[in-house]
Amino acid sequence: MRAFLWTIAALVAVLGFIGIVAWINDDGAQLGRPIRITPKREITTQQSPEASNFRVRDRVFHTTFGSGTVVATDGWKLTIEFDDGGVKRVHEGFVVRSNGRGSE
């Protein structure tokens, strides 16, 4: 009986050691360890090589913000001064041209 208990204790010790080594080398989340989130690839911000379909002084309409005038463009991002006085940066896909161009 004593040999059996020593065998069980040795087995538990070996399996525990293997579990600790696997736990140290594992990158997955484990209880008691902080979770590390790392990107799979490098994230870069890129300017759109294509020019916007809108130009400064174009009149546009947005379904939420209403009518406004384009005051700057950055690729597909437009800076629009809306008629209610607010200035927003909006992707050009969310606005439509309205009432032709502003004063040229």
N, C-alpha and C. Protein backbone atom coordinates (compact mmCIF):
# COMPACT_ATOMS: atom_id res chain seq x y z
N MET A 1 0.81 -1.19 0.00
CA MET A 1 0.00 0.00 0.00
C MET A 1 0.86 1.26 0.00
N ARG A 2 1.95 1.23 0.77
CA ARG A 2 2.84 2.39 0.85
C ARG A 2 3.47 2.65 -0.52
N ALA A 3 3.85 1.65 -1.26
CA ALA A 3 4.45 1.81 -2.60
C ALA A 3 3.44 2.43 -3.56
N PHE A 4 2.19 2.01 -3.43
CA PHE A 4 1.14 2.55 -4.27
C PHE A 4 0.96 4.05 -4.03
N LEU A 5 0.94 4.46 -2.78
CA LEU A 5 0.79 5.87 -2.45
C LEU A 5 1.98 6.68 -2.95
N TRP A 6 3.20 6.13 -2.83
CA TRP A 6 4.38 6.83 -3.33
C TRP A 6 4.32 6.95 -4.86
N THR A 7 3.81 5.94 -5.51
CA THR A 7 3.68 5.98 -6.97
C THR A 7 2.69 7.08 -7.38
N ILE A 8 1.55 7.14 -6.69
CA ILE A 8 0.55 8.18 -6.98
C ILE A 8 1.13 9.57 -6.72
N ALA A 9 1.84 9.74 -5.60
CA ALA A 9 2.43 11.03 -5.28
C ALA A 9 3.46 11.43 -6.33
N ALA A 10 4.29 10.50 -6.78
CA ALA A 10 5.28 10.79 -7.82
C ALA A 10 4.60 11.17 -9.13
N LEU A 11 3.52 10.45 -9.46
CA LEU A 11 2.79 10.76 -10.69
C LEU A 11 2.18 12.16 -10.63
N VAL A 12 1.60 12.51 -9.50
CA VAL A 12 1.03 13.85 -9.34
C VAL A 12 2.12 14.91 -9.44
N ALA A 13 3.27 14.65 -8.87
CA ALA A 13 4.38 15.61 -8.92
C ALA A 13 4.87 15.79 -10.35
N VAL A 14 5.01 14.71 -11.10
CA VAL A 14 5.48 14.80 -12.48
C VAL A 14 4.45 15.54 -13.34
N LEU A 15 3.19 15.15 -13.20
CA LEU A 15 2.15 15.82 -14.00
C LEU A 15 2.03 17.29 -13.61
N GLY A 16 2.18 17.60 -12.34
CA GLY A 16 2.17 18.99 -11.90
C GLY A 16 3.32 19.77 -12.49
N PHE A 17 4.51 19.16 -12.53
CA PHE A 17 5.68 19.83 -13.12
C PHE A 17 5.46 20.07 -14.60
N ILE A 18 4.91 19.07 -15.30
CA ILE A 18 4.64 19.23 -16.73
C ILE A 18 3.61 20.33 -16.95
N GLY A 19 2.59 20.38 -16.09
CA GLY A 19 1.58 21.42 -16.20
C GLY A 19 2.15 22.81 -15.97
N ILE A 20 3.05 22.95 -15.01
CA ILE A 20 3.67 24.25 -14.73
C ILE A 20 4.53 24.69 -15.91
N VAL A 21 5.31 23.77 -16.48
CA VAL A 21 6.15 24.11 -17.64
C VAL A 21 5.27 24.52 -18.82
N ALA A 22 4.19 23.76 -19.06
CA ALA A 22 3.29 24.11 -20.16
C ALA A 22 2.62 25.46 -19.90
N TRP A 23 2.27 25.73 -18.65
CA TRP A 23 1.63 26.99 -18.30
C TRP A 23 2.57 28.17 -18.52
N ILE A 24 3.84 28.00 -18.21
CA ILE A 24 4.82 29.07 -18.39
C ILE A 24 5.06 29.34 -19.87
N ASN A 25 5.11 28.29 -20.68
CA ASN A 25 5.42 28.44 -22.10
C ASN A 25 4.19 28.75 -22.96
N ASP A 26 3.01 28.65 -22.41
CA ASP A 26 1.78 28.85 -23.17
C ASP A 26 1.50 30.35 -23.29
N ASP A 27 1.12 30.79 -24.52
CA ASP A 27 0.76 32.19 -24.74
C ASP A 27 -0.73 32.44 -24.54
N GLY A 28 -1.51 31.38 -24.34
CA GLY A 28 -2.95 31.54 -24.15
C GLY A 28 -3.26 32.08 -22.77
N ALA A 29 -4.50 32.47 -22.59
CA ALA A 29 -4.93 33.03 -21.31
C ALA A 29 -5.05 31.92 -20.27
N GLN A 30 -4.57 32.14 -19.08
CA GLN A 30 -4.65 31.20 -17.96
C GLN A 30 -5.18 31.96 -16.76
N LEU A 31 -5.76 31.22 -15.84
CA LEU A 31 -6.24 31.85 -14.61
C LEU A 31 -5.07 32.47 -13.86
N GLY A 32 -5.24 33.68 -13.40
CA GLY A 32 -4.20 34.33 -12.63
C GLY A 32 -3.15 35.04 -13.45
N ARG A 33 -3.20 34.90 -14.76
CA ARG A 33 -2.23 35.58 -15.62
C ARG A 33 -2.92 36.72 -16.36
N PRO A 34 -2.22 37.82 -16.56
CA PRO A 34 -2.84 38.90 -17.33
C PRO A 34 -2.99 38.50 -18.79
N ILE A 35 -4.01 39.02 -19.43
CA ILE A 35 -4.25 38.74 -20.84
C ILE A 35 -3.47 39.75 -21.67
N ARG A 36 -2.66 39.26 -22.58
CA ARG A 36 -1.91 40.13 -23.49
C ARG A 36 -2.55 40.04 -24.86
N ILE A 37 -2.90 41.17 -25.42
CA ILE A 37 -3.45 41.21 -26.76
C ILE A 37 -2.42 41.89 -27.65
N THR A 38 -1.92 41.16 -28.62
CA THR A 38 -0.93 41.71 -29.53
C THR A 38 -1.46 41.61 -30.95
N PRO A 39 -1.24 42.61 -31.77
CA PRO A 39 -1.73 42.55 -33.14
C PRO A 39 -0.96 41.51 -33.94
N LYS A 40 -1.65 40.87 -34.86
CA LYS A 40 -1.03 39.87 -35.72
C LYS A 40 -0.15 40.51 -36.79
N ARG A 41 -0.48 41.74 -37.16
CA ARG A 41 0.31 42.45 -38.16
C ARG A 41 0.42 43.91 -37.72
N GLU A 42 1.35 44.59 -38.30
CA GLU A 42 1.53 45.99 -37.95
C GLU A 42 0.42 46.81 -38.57
N ILE A 43 -0.18 47.66 -37.78
CA ILE A 43 -1.28 48.51 -38.25
C ILE A 43 -0.70 49.87 -38.61
N THR A 44 -0.95 50.30 -39.82
CA THR A 44 -0.45 51.60 -40.25
C THR A 44 -1.62 52.44 -40.75
N THR A 45 -1.51 53.72 -40.57
CA THR A 45 -2.52 54.61 -41.14
C THR A 45 -1.99 55.08 -42.48
N GLN A 46 -2.85 55.01 -43.47
CA GLN A 46 -2.44 55.40 -44.81
C GLN A 46 -3.38 56.48 -45.32
N GLN A 47 -2.81 57.41 -46.02
CA GLN A 47 -3.63 58.42 -46.68
C GLN A 47 -4.18 57.80 -47.95
N SER A 48 -5.40 58.12 -48.27
CA SER A 48 -6.00 57.61 -49.49
C SER A 48 -5.31 58.24 -50.69
N PRO A 49 -4.80 57.41 -51.61
CA PRO A 49 -4.13 57.97 -52.78
C PRO A 49 -5.11 58.64 -53.75
N GLU A 50 -6.39 58.28 -53.63
CA GLU A 50 -7.37 58.84 -54.54
C GLU A 50 -7.92 60.15 -53.98
N ALA A 51 -8.20 61.05 -54.88
CA ALA A 51 -8.76 62.33 -54.46
C ALA A 51 -10.26 62.17 -54.21
N SER A 52 -10.79 63.05 -53.42
CA SER A 52 -12.22 63.03 -53.11
C SER A 52 -13.02 63.48 -54.33
N ASN A 53 -14.26 63.05 -54.36
CA ASN A 53 -15.17 63.51 -55.42
C ASN A 53 -15.71 64.90 -55.11
N PHE A 54 -15.41 65.42 -53.93
CA PHE A 54 -15.88 66.73 -53.51
C PHE A 54 -14.71 67.68 -53.42
N ARG A 55 -15.00 68.97 -53.59
CA ARG A 55 -13.98 70.01 -53.46
C ARG A 55 -14.44 71.03 -52.43
N VAL A 56 -13.50 71.83 -51.99
CA VAL A 56 -13.81 72.91 -51.05
C VAL A 56 -14.89 73.80 -51.67
N ARG A 57 -15.82 74.23 -50.87
CA ARG A 57 -16.98 75.07 -51.21
C ARG A 57 -18.14 74.30 -51.83
N ASP A 58 -18.03 72.98 -51.98
CA ASP A 58 -19.18 72.20 -52.45
C ASP A 58 -20.26 72.20 -51.37
N ARG A 59 -21.51 72.31 -51.80
CA ARG A 59 -22.64 72.19 -50.88
C ARG A 59 -23.01 70.71 -50.81
N VAL A 60 -23.21 70.19 -49.59
CA VAL A 60 -23.52 68.79 -49.40
C VAL A 60 -24.69 68.65 -48.41
N PHE A 61 -25.26 67.43 -48.39
CA PHE A 61 -26.33 67.13 -47.45
C PHE A 61 -26.01 65.81 -46.74
N HIS A 62 -26.15 65.82 -45.41
CA HIS A 62 -25.96 64.63 -44.58
C HIS A 62 -27.29 64.35 -43.89
N THR A 63 -27.70 63.07 -43.82
CA THR A 63 -29.03 62.75 -43.29
C THR A 63 -29.19 63.13 -41.83
N THR A 64 -28.11 63.13 -41.04
CA THR A 64 -28.21 63.48 -39.63
C THR A 64 -27.92 64.95 -39.37
N PHE A 65 -26.87 65.48 -40.00
CA PHE A 65 -26.42 66.84 -39.70
C PHE A 65 -27.03 67.90 -40.61
N GLY A 66 -27.66 67.51 -41.71
CA GLY A 66 -28.30 68.47 -42.61
C GLY A 66 -27.36 68.99 -43.69
N SER A 67 -27.64 70.21 -44.15
CA SER A 67 -26.87 70.81 -45.24
C SER A 67 -25.63 71.51 -44.70
N GLY A 68 -24.60 71.53 -45.53
CA GLY A 68 -23.37 72.20 -45.12
C GLY A 68 -22.47 72.46 -46.30
N THR A 69 -21.31 73.05 -46.02
CA THR A 69 -20.34 73.41 -47.04
C THR A 69 -19.01 72.74 -46.71
N VAL A 70 -18.40 72.11 -47.72
CA VAL A 70 -17.10 71.47 -47.53
C VAL A 70 -16.05 72.56 -47.34
N VAL A 71 -15.28 72.49 -46.24
CA VAL A 71 -14.24 73.49 -45.99
C VAL A 71 -12.85 72.90 -46.16
N ALA A 72 -12.71 71.56 -46.18
CA ALA A 72 -11.41 70.92 -46.40
C ALA A 72 -11.64 69.47 -46.79
N THR A 73 -10.67 68.90 -47.54
CA THR A 73 -10.73 67.49 -47.91
C THR A 73 -9.40 66.84 -47.57
N ASP A 74 -9.47 65.58 -47.16
CA ASP A 74 -8.28 64.78 -46.87
C ASP A 74 -8.58 63.38 -47.36
N GLY A 75 -8.25 63.12 -48.63
CA GLY A 75 -8.65 61.84 -49.22
C GLY A 75 -10.17 61.79 -49.28
N TRP A 76 -10.74 60.74 -48.70
CA TRP A 76 -12.20 60.60 -48.69
C TRP A 76 -12.83 61.22 -47.46
N LYS A 77 -12.03 61.84 -46.59
CA LYS A 77 -12.58 62.48 -45.40
C LYS A 77 -12.81 63.96 -45.69
N LEU A 78 -14.00 64.40 -45.39
CA LEU A 78 -14.36 65.79 -45.65
C LEU A 78 -14.56 66.52 -44.32
N THR A 79 -14.08 67.74 -44.25
CA THR A 79 -14.41 68.60 -43.12
C THR A 79 -15.50 69.52 -43.62
N ILE A 80 -16.65 69.44 -42.94
CA ILE A 80 -17.84 70.15 -43.40
C ILE A 80 -18.33 71.09 -42.31
N GLU A 81 -18.59 72.34 -42.72
CA GLU A 81 -19.22 73.30 -41.81
C GLU A 81 -20.71 73.26 -42.12
N PHE A 82 -21.48 72.74 -41.17
CA PHE A 82 -22.90 72.59 -41.38
C PHE A 82 -23.62 73.90 -41.08
N ASP A 83 -24.79 74.06 -41.68
CA ASP A 83 -25.54 75.31 -41.57
C ASP A 83 -25.93 75.63 -40.13
N ASP A 84 -26.01 74.63 -39.26
CA ASP A 84 -26.37 74.91 -37.87
C ASP A 84 -25.17 75.40 -37.06
N GLY A 85 -24.00 75.54 -37.71
CA GLY A 85 -22.82 76.08 -37.04
C GLY A 85 -21.81 75.03 -36.63
N GLY A 86 -22.15 73.75 -36.69
CA GLY A 86 -21.22 72.70 -36.30
C GLY A 86 -20.26 72.33 -37.42
N VAL A 87 -19.04 71.93 -37.04
CA VAL A 87 -18.04 71.47 -38.01
C VAL A 87 -17.77 70.01 -37.70
N LYS A 88 -17.87 69.15 -38.73
CA LYS A 88 -17.68 67.71 -38.56
C LYS A 88 -16.75 67.18 -39.64
N ARG A 89 -16.02 66.09 -39.27
CA ARG A 89 -15.26 65.33 -40.28
C ARG A 89 -16.08 64.11 -40.63
N VAL A 90 -16.39 63.96 -41.92
CA VAL A 90 -17.30 62.92 -42.39
C VAL A 90 -16.70 62.23 -43.61
N HIS A 91 -16.90 60.91 -43.70
CA HIS A 91 -16.48 60.18 -44.90
C HIS A 91 -17.42 60.57 -46.03
N GLU A 92 -16.88 60.75 -47.23
CA GLU A 92 -17.69 61.27 -48.33
C GLU A 92 -18.84 60.35 -48.70
N GLY A 93 -18.79 59.09 -48.32
CA GLY A 93 -19.88 58.17 -48.63
C GLY A 93 -21.16 58.47 -47.87
N PHE A 94 -21.08 59.32 -46.83
CA PHE A 94 -22.24 59.64 -46.02
C PHE A 94 -22.90 60.96 -46.41
N VAL A 95 -22.42 61.61 -47.46
CA VAL A 95 -23.03 62.87 -47.90
C VAL A 95 -23.33 62.81 -49.40
N VAL A 96 -24.24 63.66 -49.82
CA VAL A 96 -24.54 63.81 -51.25
C VAL A 96 -24.41 65.29 -51.60
N ARG A 97 -24.04 65.53 -52.83
CA ARG A 97 -23.93 66.90 -53.31
C ARG A 97 -25.32 67.52 -53.40
N SER A 98 -25.46 68.78 -53.02
CA SER A 98 -26.76 69.43 -53.09
C SER A 98 -26.61 70.86 -53.58
N ASN A 99 -27.60 71.32 -54.33
CA ASN A 99 -27.67 72.72 -54.79
C ASN A 99 -26.44 73.17 -55.56
N GLY A 100 -25.76 72.32 -56.28
CA GLY A 100 -24.61 72.73 -57.09
C GLY A 100 -23.46 73.17 -56.21
N ARG A 101 -22.51 73.87 -56.81
CA ARG A 101 -21.32 74.36 -56.09
C ARG A 101 -21.63 75.69 -55.43
N GLY A 102 -20.83 76.00 -54.44
CA GLY A 102 -20.96 77.29 -53.75
C GLY A 102 -20.43 78.39 -54.64
N SER A 103 -20.28 79.57 -54.11
CA SER A 103 -19.81 80.70 -54.91
C SER A 103 -18.37 80.47 -55.33
N GLU A 104 -18.08 80.65 -56.62
CA GLU A 104 -16.72 80.42 -57.13
C GLU A 104 -16.14 81.71 -57.60
